[in-house]
């Protein structure tokens, strides 16, 4: 992401067919702190804006409780998704 000027998400790995940005900061913190740190030693919470008209093509999905909301973006659409990011992707929390 740094190499793109913080404007694009990297391609998904073959075992990751969906890019699922979460829509709730508390849920993002839980993922970063409670799942990513034990799995890889570090977890980041990011924030970015997306062109609203483009974002409407992805329905909001509930992945659990009422505040566990995500967009599900097929990996093959990630380049187009990146083209609709407004401004930079910002790291707002880091956990180790």
N, C-alpha and C. Protein backbone atom coordinates (compact mmCIF):
# COMPACT_ATOMS: atom_id res chain seq x y z
N UNK A 1 0.82 -1.20 0.00
CA UNK A 1 0.00 0.00 0.00
C UNK A 1 0.86 1.25 0.00
N UNK A 2 1.96 1.18 0.74
CA UNK A 2 2.85 2.35 0.79
C UNK A 2 3.33 2.72 -0.61
N UNK A 3 3.67 1.70 -1.41
CA UNK A 3 4.19 1.94 -2.76
C UNK A 3 3.16 2.61 -3.67
N UNK A 4 1.89 2.51 -3.33
CA UNK A 4 0.84 3.13 -4.16
C UNK A 4 0.44 4.50 -3.64
N UNK A 5 1.19 5.02 -2.66
CA UNK A 5 0.83 6.30 -2.07
C UNK A 5 -0.38 6.17 -1.16
N UNK A 6 -0.59 4.97 -0.62
CA UNK A 6 -1.71 4.69 0.28
C UNK A 6 -3.05 4.88 -0.43
N UNK A 7 -3.10 4.47 -1.70
CA UNK A 7 -4.33 4.66 -2.48
C UNK A 7 -4.93 3.36 -3.02
N UNK A 8 -4.26 2.22 -2.81
CA UNK A 8 -4.77 0.97 -3.38
C UNK A 8 -4.50 -0.19 -2.43
N UNK A 9 -5.48 -1.09 -2.38
CA UNK A 9 -5.31 -2.33 -1.65
C UNK A 9 -4.56 -3.32 -2.53
N UNK A 10 -3.71 -4.15 -1.95
CA UNK A 10 -2.97 -5.13 -2.76
C UNK A 10 -3.90 -6.24 -3.24
N UNK A 11 -3.49 -6.95 -4.27
CA UNK A 11 -4.30 -8.08 -4.76
C UNK A 11 -4.51 -9.10 -3.65
N UNK A 12 -5.62 -9.80 -3.73
CA UNK A 12 -5.92 -10.85 -2.77
C UNK A 12 -5.04 -12.08 -3.07
N UNK A 13 -4.79 -12.86 -2.05
CA UNK A 13 -4.09 -14.13 -2.22
C UNK A 13 -5.06 -15.14 -2.83
N UNK A 14 -4.55 -16.19 -3.46
CA UNK A 14 -5.45 -17.17 -4.10
C UNK A 14 -6.52 -17.73 -3.16
N UNK A 15 -6.18 -17.89 -1.89
CA UNK A 15 -7.15 -18.43 -0.93
C UNK A 15 -8.08 -17.35 -0.35
N UNK A 16 -8.02 -16.13 -0.90
CA UNK A 16 -8.85 -15.02 -0.43
C UNK A 16 -9.71 -14.50 -1.59
N UNK A 17 -10.81 -15.16 -1.89
CA UNK A 17 -11.62 -14.74 -3.05
C UNK A 17 -12.45 -13.47 -2.83
N UNK A 18 -12.53 -13.02 -1.58
CA UNK A 18 -13.34 -11.85 -1.26
C UNK A 18 -12.50 -10.85 -0.47
N UNK A 19 -12.62 -9.58 -0.82
CA UNK A 19 -12.09 -8.47 -0.01
C UNK A 19 -13.28 -7.93 0.75
N UNK A 20 -13.19 -7.93 2.07
CA UNK A 20 -14.36 -7.54 2.86
C UNK A 20 -14.03 -6.42 3.85
N UNK A 21 -14.04 -5.17 3.38
CA UNK A 21 -13.84 -4.07 4.31
C UNK A 21 -15.01 -4.01 5.29
N UNK A 22 -14.67 -3.85 6.55
CA UNK A 22 -15.72 -3.78 7.59
C UNK A 22 -16.14 -2.33 7.76
N UNK A 23 -17.35 -2.12 8.22
CA UNK A 23 -17.95 -0.79 8.27
C UNK A 23 -18.07 -0.24 9.68
N UNK A 24 -17.47 -0.92 10.64
CA UNK A 24 -17.58 -0.51 12.03
C UNK A 24 -16.19 -0.56 12.67
N UNK A 25 -15.75 0.56 13.21
CA UNK A 25 -14.40 0.64 13.77
C UNK A 25 -14.20 -0.32 14.94
N UNK A 26 -15.20 -0.50 15.79
CA UNK A 26 -15.05 -1.43 16.91
C UNK A 26 -14.80 -2.86 16.43
N UNK A 27 -15.53 -3.26 15.40
CA UNK A 27 -15.34 -4.60 14.82
C UNK A 27 -13.96 -4.70 14.17
N UNK A 28 -13.53 -3.66 13.48
CA UNK A 28 -12.20 -3.67 12.86
C UNK A 28 -11.11 -3.79 13.92
N UNK A 29 -11.28 -3.12 15.04
CA UNK A 29 -10.31 -3.22 16.14
C UNK A 29 -10.26 -4.65 16.66
N UNK A 30 -11.41 -5.26 16.84
CA UNK A 30 -11.46 -6.64 17.32
C UNK A 30 -10.70 -7.58 16.38
N UNK A 31 -10.93 -7.44 15.08
CA UNK A 31 -10.23 -8.27 14.10
C UNK A 31 -8.73 -8.06 14.20
N UNK A 32 -8.31 -6.80 14.18
CA UNK A 32 -6.88 -6.47 14.19
C UNK A 32 -6.20 -6.96 15.47
N UNK A 33 -6.80 -6.66 16.60
CA UNK A 33 -6.19 -6.95 17.90
C UNK A 33 -6.32 -8.42 18.29
N UNK A 34 -7.52 -8.98 18.12
CA UNK A 34 -7.79 -10.31 18.65
C UNK A 34 -7.52 -11.45 17.68
N UNK A 35 -7.53 -11.17 16.39
CA UNK A 35 -7.30 -12.22 15.40
C UNK A 35 -5.96 -12.06 14.69
N UNK A 36 -5.69 -10.85 14.18
CA UNK A 36 -4.48 -10.66 13.37
C UNK A 36 -3.20 -10.69 14.20
N UNK A 37 -3.21 -10.10 15.38
CA UNK A 37 -1.99 -10.10 16.21
C UNK A 37 -1.59 -11.53 16.57
N UNK A 38 -2.48 -12.37 17.09
CA UNK A 38 -2.05 -13.74 17.39
C UNK A 38 -1.61 -14.51 16.14
N UNK A 39 -2.24 -14.23 15.00
CA UNK A 39 -1.91 -14.97 13.78
C UNK A 39 -0.62 -14.50 13.12
N UNK A 40 -0.34 -13.18 13.17
CA UNK A 40 0.81 -12.68 12.42
C UNK A 40 1.67 -11.68 13.18
N UNK A 41 1.32 -11.37 14.43
CA UNK A 41 2.15 -10.48 15.24
C UNK A 41 1.81 -9.01 15.13
N UNK A 42 0.97 -8.64 14.17
CA UNK A 42 0.59 -7.24 14.02
C UNK A 42 -0.81 -7.16 13.41
N UNK A 43 -1.53 -6.12 13.78
CA UNK A 43 -2.84 -5.88 13.19
C UNK A 43 -3.05 -4.40 13.01
N UNK A 44 -3.65 -4.03 11.90
CA UNK A 44 -3.88 -2.63 11.58
C UNK A 44 -5.37 -2.39 11.36
N UNK A 45 -5.83 -1.22 11.77
CA UNK A 45 -7.17 -0.74 11.43
C UNK A 45 -6.96 0.45 10.51
N UNK A 46 -7.64 0.41 9.39
CA UNK A 46 -7.51 1.48 8.41
C UNK A 46 -8.85 2.17 8.20
N UNK A 47 -8.77 3.34 7.61
CA UNK A 47 -9.98 4.08 7.25
C UNK A 47 -9.75 4.64 5.85
N UNK A 48 -10.79 4.58 5.04
CA UNK A 48 -10.72 5.17 3.71
C UNK A 48 -12.13 5.52 3.26
N UNK A 49 -12.19 6.39 2.28
CA UNK A 49 -13.47 6.78 1.70
C UNK A 49 -13.58 6.17 0.32
N UNK A 50 -14.80 5.84 -0.03
CA UNK A 50 -15.09 5.23 -1.32
C UNK A 50 -16.22 6.03 -1.97
N UNK A 51 -16.11 6.25 -3.26
CA UNK A 51 -17.17 6.92 -4.01
C UNK A 51 -18.50 6.22 -3.69
N UNK A 52 -19.44 6.96 -3.12
CA UNK A 52 -20.69 6.38 -2.62
C UNK A 52 -21.50 5.71 -3.72
N UNK A 53 -21.56 6.31 -4.88
CA UNK A 53 -22.33 5.71 -5.97
C UNK A 53 -21.74 4.36 -6.36
N UNK A 54 -20.42 4.26 -6.36
CA UNK A 54 -19.77 2.98 -6.66
C UNK A 54 -19.99 1.99 -5.53
N UNK A 55 -19.88 2.43 -4.30
CA UNK A 55 -20.04 1.54 -3.14
C UNK A 55 -21.42 0.90 -3.12
N UNK A 56 -22.42 1.58 -3.67
CA UNK A 56 -23.79 1.06 -3.67
C UNK A 56 -23.93 -0.26 -4.43
N UNK A 57 -22.97 -0.59 -5.27
CA UNK A 57 -23.08 -1.85 -6.00
C UNK A 57 -22.80 -3.06 -5.11
N UNK A 58 -22.24 -2.81 -3.93
CA UNK A 58 -21.94 -3.89 -2.99
C UNK A 58 -22.90 -3.79 -1.80
N UNK A 59 -23.81 -4.72 -1.67
CA UNK A 59 -24.74 -4.65 -0.54
C UNK A 59 -23.99 -4.83 0.78
N UNK A 60 -24.47 -4.14 1.79
CA UNK A 60 -23.91 -4.31 3.13
C UNK A 60 -24.35 -5.67 3.64
N UNK A 61 -23.39 -6.44 4.11
CA UNK A 61 -23.67 -7.78 4.63
C UNK A 61 -23.46 -7.81 6.13
N UNK A 62 -24.34 -8.47 6.82
CA UNK A 62 -24.20 -8.66 8.26
C UNK A 62 -23.45 -9.98 8.45
N UNK A 63 -22.31 -9.91 9.14
CA UNK A 63 -21.46 -11.08 9.34
C UNK A 63 -21.52 -11.55 10.79
N UNK A 64 -22.63 -11.35 11.42
CA UNK A 64 -22.77 -11.72 12.82
C UNK A 64 -23.78 -10.79 13.47
N UNK A 65 -23.37 -10.12 14.54
CA UNK A 65 -24.25 -9.20 15.26
C UNK A 65 -24.64 -7.99 14.44
N UNK A 66 -25.49 -7.17 15.01
CA UNK A 66 -26.05 -6.04 14.28
C UNK A 66 -25.01 -5.00 13.88
N UNK A 67 -23.86 -4.96 14.54
CA UNK A 67 -22.83 -3.98 14.18
C UNK A 67 -21.68 -4.61 13.39
N UNK A 68 -21.79 -5.88 13.06
CA UNK A 68 -20.71 -6.56 12.32
C UNK A 68 -21.10 -6.52 10.84
N UNK A 69 -20.77 -5.39 10.21
CA UNK A 69 -21.18 -5.12 8.84
C UNK A 69 -19.97 -5.02 7.93
N UNK A 70 -20.12 -5.59 6.73
CA UNK A 70 -19.02 -5.63 5.76
C UNK A 70 -19.56 -5.40 4.35
N UNK A 71 -18.66 -4.99 3.48
CA UNK A 71 -18.91 -5.07 2.04
C UNK A 71 -18.17 -6.30 1.55
N UNK A 72 -18.74 -7.03 0.63
CA UNK A 72 -18.06 -8.19 0.06
C UNK A 72 -17.73 -7.87 -1.39
N UNK A 73 -16.43 -7.70 -1.64
CA UNK A 73 -15.94 -7.33 -2.97
C UNK A 73 -15.20 -8.52 -3.56
N UNK A 74 -15.69 -9.09 -4.66
CA UNK A 74 -14.96 -10.20 -5.28
C UNK A 74 -13.54 -9.78 -5.64
N UNK A 75 -12.59 -10.67 -5.41
CA UNK A 75 -11.17 -10.35 -5.64
C UNK A 75 -10.93 -9.82 -7.05
N UNK A 76 -11.65 -10.34 -8.03
CA UNK A 76 -11.43 -9.90 -9.41
C UNK A 76 -11.93 -8.48 -9.66
N UNK A 77 -12.65 -7.90 -8.71
CA UNK A 77 -13.14 -6.52 -8.84
C UNK A 77 -12.32 -5.53 -8.00
N UNK A 78 -11.26 -6.01 -7.36
CA UNK A 78 -10.51 -5.14 -6.46
C UNK A 78 -9.82 -3.98 -7.18
N UNK A 79 -9.31 -4.20 -8.38
CA UNK A 79 -8.69 -3.08 -9.11
C UNK A 79 -9.69 -1.95 -9.36
N UNK A 80 -10.88 -2.32 -9.78
CA UNK A 80 -11.92 -1.30 -10.02
C UNK A 80 -12.33 -0.64 -8.70
N UNK A 81 -12.45 -1.44 -7.64
CA UNK A 81 -12.74 -0.90 -6.31
C UNK A 81 -11.68 0.14 -5.94
N UNK A 82 -10.41 -0.21 -6.10
CA UNK A 82 -9.32 0.71 -5.80
C UNK A 82 -9.42 2.01 -6.60
N UNK A 83 -9.89 1.92 -7.83
CA UNK A 83 -10.03 3.12 -8.67
C UNK A 83 -11.04 4.11 -8.10
N UNK A 84 -11.90 3.64 -7.19
CA UNK A 84 -12.96 4.49 -6.63
C UNK A 84 -12.69 4.92 -5.19
N UNK A 85 -11.48 4.64 -4.70
CA UNK A 85 -11.10 5.14 -3.38
C UNK A 85 -10.85 6.64 -3.50
N UNK A 86 -11.40 7.40 -2.59
CA UNK A 86 -11.25 8.85 -2.58
C UNK A 86 -10.19 9.20 -1.54
N UNK A 87 -9.08 9.78 -1.98
CA UNK A 87 -8.01 10.14 -1.05
C UNK A 87 -7.16 8.94 -0.67
N UNK A 88 -6.57 9.02 0.51
CA UNK A 88 -5.63 7.99 0.97
C UNK A 88 -6.27 7.03 1.94
N UNK A 89 -5.70 5.84 1.99
CA UNK A 89 -6.04 4.86 3.02
C UNK A 89 -5.19 5.22 4.23
N UNK A 90 -5.81 5.42 5.37
CA UNK A 90 -5.09 5.85 6.57
C UNK A 90 -5.10 4.74 7.61
N UNK A 91 -3.93 4.51 8.23
CA UNK A 91 -3.85 3.60 9.37
C UNK A 91 -4.25 4.40 10.60
N UNK A 92 -5.31 3.96 11.29
CA UNK A 92 -5.79 4.71 12.46
C UNK A 92 -5.50 4.00 13.78
N UNK A 93 -5.20 2.68 13.72
CA UNK A 93 -4.78 1.93 14.91
C UNK A 93 -3.79 0.85 14.48
N UNK A 94 -2.83 0.59 15.35
CA UNK A 94 -1.86 -0.48 15.12
C UNK A 94 -1.72 -1.26 16.43
N UNK A 95 -1.75 -2.58 16.31
CA UNK A 95 -1.63 -3.46 17.47
C UNK A 95 -0.50 -4.44 17.23
N UNK A 96 0.28 -4.70 18.29
CA UNK A 96 1.38 -5.67 18.22
C UNK A 96 1.34 -6.57 19.43
